[in-house]
Amino acid sequence: MCRRLPFAPCQLILIPISNISGWARKPAPVMPLQPSDIQRIANLARLRLDAAEQAAMLDQINAFFTEVVEPMRGVDTTGVEPLAHPLAVLRDMPLRLRDDAAREPALRDAALRNAPAAQDGLFIVPRVVE
C-alpha cells in the first residue's frame, strides 16, 4: 500500500520560533505503521529481520512518528512561503546555478595516464578473441 508523506521531501520550511508556541489547529494523527509495512520496508532495503527485530523496528518507527512528525505537523505554517534553499532567507540574492549544458568531461587524458599502454587516445589491451 502506498502512503503519501505528510510533507514534501524536497522543500524546507523555516518557521519563526514565535509560531511554534501556539498551534492553531490539531492535525490529523499519523497513521501508525503495521507489521506488513515493516516487512515491505525490510524487503526494499534487502534486510532480513526476524520477528523480534521487526517488532522492535515497528515500535521505533511508530515512536518517531509520534514524537517527531506529529508535533511538526501541528505547527501553523499558513502564510509561510516554502524556500528552495535555507540560505535564501539570509541573503536577498538569487540562487547561482550553472547553465544546464552537456559537456564532455576532460577525463580522457587523466585516464590514459593511468593506462599501462595507450596509443592515439585509446587504451591498448591484449587480444582476447582470436
N, C-alpha and C. Protein backbone atom coordinates (compact mmCIF):
# COMPACT_ATOMS: atom_id res chain seq x y z
N MET A 1 0.84 -1.17 0.00
CA MET A 1 0.00 0.00 0.00
C MET A 1 0.89 1.24 0.00
N CYS A 2 0.59 2.18 -0.82
CA CYS A 2 1.37 3.41 -0.95
C CYS A 2 0.78 4.47 -0.03
N ARG A 3 1.63 5.14 0.73
CA ARG A 3 1.18 6.20 1.61
C ARG A 3 1.80 7.52 1.16
N ARG A 4 1.05 8.58 1.27
CA ARG A 4 1.59 9.91 0.97
C ARG A 4 2.34 10.43 2.18
N LEU A 5 3.45 11.08 1.93
CA LEU A 5 4.19 11.70 3.02
C LEU A 5 3.45 12.95 3.48
N PRO A 6 3.48 13.27 4.78
CA PRO A 6 2.79 14.47 5.24
C PRO A 6 3.53 15.75 4.89
N PHE A 7 4.69 15.66 4.24
CA PHE A 7 5.45 16.84 3.85
C PHE A 7 6.10 16.55 2.52
N ALA A 8 6.48 17.62 1.83
CA ALA A 8 7.20 17.46 0.56
C ALA A 8 8.67 17.24 0.90
N PRO A 9 9.28 16.12 0.49
CA PRO A 9 10.65 15.82 0.91
C PRO A 9 11.69 16.78 0.36
N CYS A 10 11.38 17.54 -0.69
CA CYS A 10 12.37 18.44 -1.28
C CYS A 10 12.22 19.87 -0.80
N GLN A 11 11.25 20.15 0.03
CA GLN A 11 11.04 21.51 0.48
C GLN A 11 11.47 21.64 1.93
N LEU A 12 12.05 22.78 2.26
CA LEU A 12 12.41 23.09 3.62
C LEU A 12 11.63 24.32 4.01
N ILE A 13 10.91 24.24 5.09
CA ILE A 13 10.11 25.37 5.53
C ILE A 13 10.70 25.85 6.85
N LEU A 14 11.13 27.10 6.89
CA LEU A 14 11.66 27.69 8.11
C LEU A 14 10.52 28.43 8.80
N ILE A 15 10.35 28.20 10.09
CA ILE A 15 9.25 28.78 10.85
C ILE A 15 9.83 29.59 11.99
N PRO A 16 9.37 30.83 12.16
CA PRO A 16 9.85 31.60 13.30
C PRO A 16 9.47 30.91 14.61
N ILE A 17 10.31 31.06 15.63
CA ILE A 17 10.08 30.42 16.92
C ILE A 17 8.75 30.88 17.52
N SER A 18 8.33 32.12 17.27
CA SER A 18 7.09 32.62 17.86
C SER A 18 5.88 31.84 17.40
N ASN A 19 5.92 31.23 16.21
CA ASN A 19 4.78 30.48 15.70
C ASN A 19 4.66 29.09 16.33
N ILE A 20 5.75 28.59 16.92
CA ILE A 20 5.73 27.23 17.43
C ILE A 20 4.94 27.13 18.73
N SER A 21 4.98 28.18 19.55
CA SER A 21 4.34 28.08 20.86
C SER A 21 2.83 27.91 20.78
N GLY A 22 2.17 28.58 19.84
CA GLY A 22 0.72 28.46 19.76
C GLY A 22 0.30 27.75 18.49
N TRP A 23 -0.13 26.53 18.61
CA TRP A 23 -0.57 25.78 17.44
C TRP A 23 -2.01 26.12 17.15
N ALA A 24 -2.29 26.45 15.91
CA ALA A 24 -3.62 26.92 15.55
C ALA A 24 -4.62 25.78 15.45
N ARG A 25 -4.18 24.63 15.01
CA ARG A 25 -5.13 23.54 14.81
C ARG A 25 -4.44 22.22 15.13
N LYS A 26 -5.23 21.25 15.45
CA LYS A 26 -4.71 19.91 15.71
C LYS A 26 -4.74 19.13 14.40
N PRO A 27 -3.58 18.69 13.89
CA PRO A 27 -3.58 17.95 12.62
C PRO A 27 -4.12 16.54 12.81
N ALA A 28 -4.48 15.95 11.71
CA ALA A 28 -4.92 14.56 11.74
C ALA A 28 -3.76 13.69 12.22
N PRO A 29 -4.02 12.72 13.07
CA PRO A 29 -2.92 11.90 13.59
C PRO A 29 -2.28 11.07 12.48
N VAL A 30 -1.00 10.82 12.65
CA VAL A 30 -0.27 9.99 11.70
C VAL A 30 -0.70 8.55 11.92
N MET A 31 -1.04 7.89 10.84
CA MET A 31 -1.48 6.52 10.93
C MET A 31 -0.28 5.63 11.25
N PRO A 32 -0.34 4.85 12.33
CA PRO A 32 0.83 4.03 12.68
C PRO A 32 1.08 2.95 11.63
N LEU A 33 2.34 2.60 11.50
CA LEU A 33 2.71 1.54 10.57
C LEU A 33 2.25 0.18 11.11
N GLN A 34 2.03 -0.73 10.20
CA GLN A 34 1.63 -2.09 10.54
C GLN A 34 2.82 -3.03 10.32
N PRO A 35 2.79 -4.23 10.88
CA PRO A 35 3.88 -5.19 10.64
C PRO A 35 4.12 -5.46 9.15
N SER A 36 3.07 -5.42 8.34
CA SER A 36 3.26 -5.65 6.90
C SER A 36 4.07 -4.52 6.27
N ASP A 37 3.93 -3.29 6.81
CA ASP A 37 4.73 -2.16 6.31
C ASP A 37 6.21 -2.38 6.62
N ILE A 38 6.50 -2.88 7.81
CA ILE A 38 7.90 -3.13 8.20
C ILE A 38 8.49 -4.22 7.32
N GLN A 39 7.71 -5.26 7.01
CA GLN A 39 8.19 -6.32 6.13
C GLN A 39 8.50 -5.77 4.75
N ARG A 40 7.65 -4.88 4.25
CA ARG A 40 7.86 -4.29 2.92
C ARG A 40 9.11 -3.41 2.92
N ILE A 41 9.27 -2.58 3.96
CA ILE A 41 10.46 -1.72 4.05
C ILE A 41 11.72 -2.57 4.13
N ALA A 42 11.69 -3.62 4.94
CA ALA A 42 12.85 -4.51 5.06
C ALA A 42 13.16 -5.17 3.73
N ASN A 43 12.13 -5.57 3.00
CA ASN A 43 12.33 -6.19 1.70
C ASN A 43 12.96 -5.19 0.73
N LEU A 44 12.47 -3.95 0.72
CA LEU A 44 13.03 -2.95 -0.17
C LEU A 44 14.48 -2.62 0.18
N ALA A 45 14.80 -2.66 1.47
CA ALA A 45 16.17 -2.36 1.91
C ALA A 45 17.05 -3.60 1.89
N ARG A 46 16.49 -4.73 1.45
CA ARG A 46 17.21 -6.01 1.38
C ARG A 46 17.76 -6.40 2.75
N LEU A 47 16.89 -6.26 3.78
CA LEU A 47 17.25 -6.64 5.14
C LEU A 47 16.50 -7.89 5.53
N ARG A 48 17.16 -8.76 6.26
CA ARG A 48 16.49 -9.93 6.82
C ARG A 48 16.29 -9.66 8.30
N LEU A 49 15.04 -9.46 8.68
CA LEU A 49 14.72 -9.19 10.08
C LEU A 49 13.89 -10.35 10.62
N ASP A 50 14.27 -10.85 11.81
CA ASP A 50 13.42 -11.86 12.43
C ASP A 50 12.25 -11.17 13.11
N ALA A 51 11.36 -11.93 13.71
CA ALA A 51 10.13 -11.38 14.29
C ALA A 51 10.43 -10.37 15.40
N ALA A 52 11.43 -10.65 16.23
CA ALA A 52 11.76 -9.73 17.32
C ALA A 52 12.31 -8.41 16.78
N GLU A 53 13.17 -8.50 15.75
CA GLU A 53 13.72 -7.28 15.14
C GLU A 53 12.63 -6.47 14.44
N GLN A 54 11.69 -7.17 13.80
CA GLN A 54 10.58 -6.46 13.14
C GLN A 54 9.72 -5.74 14.17
N ALA A 55 9.46 -6.38 15.30
CA ALA A 55 8.65 -5.75 16.34
C ALA A 55 9.37 -4.54 16.92
N ALA A 56 10.68 -4.67 17.16
CA ALA A 56 11.45 -3.53 17.68
C ALA A 56 11.48 -2.39 16.67
N MET A 57 11.66 -2.71 15.40
CA MET A 57 11.68 -1.68 14.35
C MET A 57 10.33 -0.99 14.25
N LEU A 58 9.25 -1.75 14.36
CA LEU A 58 7.90 -1.18 14.31
C LEU A 58 7.70 -0.20 15.45
N ASP A 59 8.12 -0.58 16.66
CA ASP A 59 8.00 0.31 17.81
C ASP A 59 8.83 1.57 17.64
N GLN A 60 10.05 1.44 17.14
CA GLN A 60 10.93 2.60 16.96
C GLN A 60 10.38 3.57 15.92
N ILE A 61 9.92 3.06 14.79
CA ILE A 61 9.42 3.94 13.73
C ILE A 61 8.12 4.61 14.17
N ASN A 62 7.22 3.87 14.80
CA ASN A 62 5.98 4.49 15.27
C ASN A 62 6.25 5.52 16.35
N ALA A 63 7.24 5.27 17.21
CA ALA A 63 7.62 6.27 18.22
C ALA A 63 8.17 7.53 17.55
N PHE A 64 8.94 7.36 16.49
CA PHE A 64 9.46 8.52 15.76
C PHE A 64 8.31 9.36 15.21
N PHE A 65 7.33 8.70 14.58
CA PHE A 65 6.19 9.45 14.04
C PHE A 65 5.44 10.17 15.15
N THR A 66 5.26 9.53 16.29
CA THR A 66 4.52 10.12 17.39
C THR A 66 5.28 11.29 18.02
N GLU A 67 6.59 11.13 18.23
CA GLU A 67 7.37 12.13 18.95
C GLU A 67 7.89 13.26 18.08
N VAL A 68 8.14 12.99 16.80
CA VAL A 68 8.76 14.00 15.94
C VAL A 68 7.82 14.52 14.87
N VAL A 69 7.22 13.62 14.12
CA VAL A 69 6.43 14.05 12.96
C VAL A 69 5.14 14.74 13.38
N GLU A 70 4.41 14.17 14.33
CA GLU A 70 3.14 14.78 14.73
C GLU A 70 3.32 16.18 15.28
N PRO A 71 4.28 16.46 16.17
CA PRO A 71 4.46 17.85 16.61
C PRO A 71 4.83 18.80 15.47
N MET A 72 5.61 18.31 14.49
CA MET A 72 5.97 19.16 13.35
C MET A 72 4.74 19.46 12.50
N ARG A 73 3.84 18.50 12.37
CA ARG A 73 2.63 18.73 11.59
C ARG A 73 1.70 19.70 12.29
N GLY A 74 1.85 19.85 13.60
CA GLY A 74 0.98 20.74 14.36
C GLY A 74 1.35 22.20 14.25
N VAL A 75 2.49 22.53 13.68
CA VAL A 75 2.92 23.92 13.57
C VAL A 75 2.11 24.61 12.48
N ASP A 76 1.57 25.79 12.81
CA ASP A 76 0.78 26.55 11.85
C ASP A 76 1.72 27.20 10.84
N THR A 77 1.64 26.80 9.60
CA THR A 77 2.51 27.33 8.55
C THR A 77 1.74 28.17 7.55
N THR A 78 0.56 28.64 7.91
CA THR A 78 -0.19 29.48 6.98
C THR A 78 0.59 30.77 6.76
N GLY A 79 0.72 31.15 5.52
CA GLY A 79 1.44 32.38 5.16
C GLY A 79 2.94 32.23 5.09
N VAL A 80 3.48 31.05 5.34
CA VAL A 80 4.93 30.83 5.26
C VAL A 80 5.24 30.27 3.89
N GLU A 81 6.07 30.98 3.15
CA GLU A 81 6.44 30.55 1.80
C GLU A 81 7.51 29.47 1.88
N PRO A 82 7.38 28.38 1.13
CA PRO A 82 8.45 27.38 1.11
C PRO A 82 9.69 27.95 0.43
N LEU A 83 10.84 27.52 0.90
CA LEU A 83 12.11 28.01 0.37
C LEU A 83 12.77 26.95 -0.50
N ALA A 84 13.46 27.41 -1.53
CA ALA A 84 14.22 26.48 -2.36
C ALA A 84 15.53 26.12 -1.69
N HIS A 85 16.02 27.00 -0.82
CA HIS A 85 17.30 26.79 -0.15
C HIS A 85 17.27 27.53 1.17
N PRO A 86 17.78 26.96 2.26
CA PRO A 86 17.70 27.65 3.55
C PRO A 86 18.48 28.96 3.59
N LEU A 87 19.51 29.12 2.78
CA LEU A 87 20.28 30.36 2.78
C LEU A 87 19.59 31.49 2.04
N ALA A 88 18.52 31.17 1.30
CA ALA A 88 17.81 32.22 0.57
C ALA A 88 17.18 33.20 1.54
N VAL A 89 16.91 32.79 2.77
CA VAL A 89 16.34 33.69 3.77
C VAL A 89 17.38 34.68 4.25
N LEU A 90 18.63 34.25 4.34
CA LEU A 90 19.68 35.09 4.89
C LEU A 90 20.15 36.15 3.93
N ARG A 91 20.07 35.90 2.67
CA ARG A 91 20.57 36.85 1.67
C ARG A 91 19.50 37.08 0.62
N ASP A 92 19.38 38.30 0.20
CA ASP A 92 18.45 38.62 -0.89
C ASP A 92 19.19 38.50 -2.20
N MET A 93 19.51 37.29 -2.57
CA MET A 93 20.20 37.06 -3.82
C MET A 93 19.61 35.82 -4.49
N PRO A 94 19.58 35.81 -5.79
CA PRO A 94 19.06 34.62 -6.46
C PRO A 94 20.04 33.46 -6.31
N LEU A 95 19.53 32.28 -6.46
CA LEU A 95 20.39 31.11 -6.40
C LEU A 95 21.30 31.08 -7.63
N ARG A 96 22.56 30.79 -7.39
CA ARG A 96 23.51 30.72 -8.50
C ARG A 96 23.52 29.32 -9.05
N LEU A 97 23.07 29.18 -10.25
CA LEU A 97 23.06 27.87 -10.90
C LEU A 97 23.88 27.96 -12.18
N ARG A 98 24.57 26.91 -12.49
CA ARG A 98 25.32 26.90 -13.74
C ARG A 98 24.37 26.60 -14.89
N ASP A 99 24.78 26.94 -16.09
CA ASP A 99 23.98 26.64 -17.26
C ASP A 99 23.87 25.13 -17.42
N ASP A 100 22.70 24.69 -17.80
CA ASP A 100 22.47 23.26 -18.00
C ASP A 100 22.87 22.91 -19.42
N ALA A 101 24.14 22.62 -19.60
CA ALA A 101 24.66 22.31 -20.93
C ALA A 101 25.45 21.01 -20.86
N ALA A 102 25.28 20.19 -21.87
CA ALA A 102 26.03 18.93 -21.94
C ALA A 102 27.46 19.25 -22.32
N ARG A 103 28.39 18.70 -21.55
CA ARG A 103 29.81 18.94 -21.81
C ARG A 103 30.57 17.62 -21.75
N GLU A 104 31.62 17.55 -22.50
CA GLU A 104 32.49 16.38 -22.48
C GLU A 104 33.47 16.56 -21.32
N PRO A 105 33.47 15.67 -20.35
CA PRO A 105 34.43 15.82 -19.25
C PRO A 105 35.85 15.60 -19.76
N ALA A 106 36.78 16.35 -19.23
CA ALA A 106 38.17 16.26 -19.66
C ALA A 106 38.91 15.21 -18.83
N LEU A 107 38.38 14.01 -18.82
CA LEU A 107 38.98 12.94 -18.04
C LEU A 107 39.77 11.95 -18.87
N ARG A 108 39.69 12.06 -20.20
CA ARG A 108 40.34 11.07 -21.04
C ARG A 108 41.85 11.07 -20.85
N ASP A 109 42.46 12.25 -20.85
CA ASP A 109 43.92 12.30 -20.70
C ASP A 109 44.36 11.77 -19.35
N ALA A 110 43.61 12.09 -18.29
CA ALA A 110 43.96 11.60 -16.95
C ALA A 110 43.81 10.07 -16.90
N ALA A 111 42.77 9.54 -17.52
CA ALA A 111 42.57 8.09 -17.53
C ALA A 111 43.67 7.40 -18.34
N LEU A 112 44.06 7.99 -19.45
CA LEU A 112 45.10 7.38 -20.28
C LEU A 112 46.47 7.41 -19.61
N ARG A 113 46.69 8.39 -18.72
CA ARG A 113 47.97 8.42 -17.99
C ARG A 113 48.09 7.23 -17.06
N ASN A 114 46.96 6.69 -16.59
CA ASN A 114 46.99 5.54 -15.69
C ASN A 114 47.03 4.22 -16.44
N ALA A 115 46.85 4.24 -17.74
CA ALA A 115 46.80 3.01 -18.53
C ALA A 115 48.22 2.45 -18.71
N PRO A 116 48.35 1.11 -18.70
CA PRO A 116 49.67 0.53 -18.93
C PRO A 116 50.16 0.80 -20.36
N ALA A 117 49.22 0.89 -21.32
CA ALA A 117 49.60 1.17 -22.70
C ALA A 117 48.46 1.94 -23.37
N ALA A 118 48.83 2.99 -24.14
CA ALA A 118 47.83 3.79 -24.85
C ALA A 118 48.43 4.26 -26.16
N GLN A 119 47.56 4.48 -27.15
CA GLN A 119 48.01 4.96 -28.45
C GLN A 119 46.86 5.71 -29.10
N ASP A 120 47.12 6.91 -29.62
CA ASP A 120 46.14 7.74 -30.32
C ASP A 120 44.87 7.96 -29.49
N GLY A 121 45.02 8.14 -28.18
CA GLY A 121 43.87 8.40 -27.32
C GLY A 121 43.05 7.17 -26.99
N LEU A 122 43.60 5.98 -27.23
CA LEU A 122 42.86 4.74 -26.97
C LEU A 122 43.71 3.85 -26.07
N PHE A 123 43.03 3.01 -25.27
CA PHE A 123 43.72 2.03 -24.45
C PHE A 123 44.19 0.87 -25.33
N ILE A 124 45.39 0.39 -25.07
CA ILE A 124 45.91 -0.80 -25.74
C ILE A 124 45.72 -1.96 -24.77
N VAL A 125 44.98 -2.97 -25.20
CA VAL A 125 44.71 -4.12 -24.34
C VAL A 125 45.12 -5.39 -25.08
N PRO A 126 45.42 -6.45 -24.34
CA PRO A 126 45.77 -7.71 -25.02
C PRO A 126 44.59 -8.27 -25.79
N ARG A 127 44.88 -8.97 -26.85
CA ARG A 127 43.85 -9.59 -27.68
C ARG A 127 43.17 -10.68 -26.86
N VAL A 128 41.82 -10.68 -26.87
CA VAL A 128 41.05 -11.65 -26.12
C VAL A 128 40.42 -12.68 -27.05
N VAL A 129 39.93 -12.21 -28.20
CA VAL A 129 39.26 -13.10 -29.15
C VAL A 129 40.18 -13.28 -30.35
N GLU A 130 40.36 -14.50 -30.79
CA GLU A 130 41.23 -14.78 -31.94
C GLU A 130 40.40 -14.92 -33.18
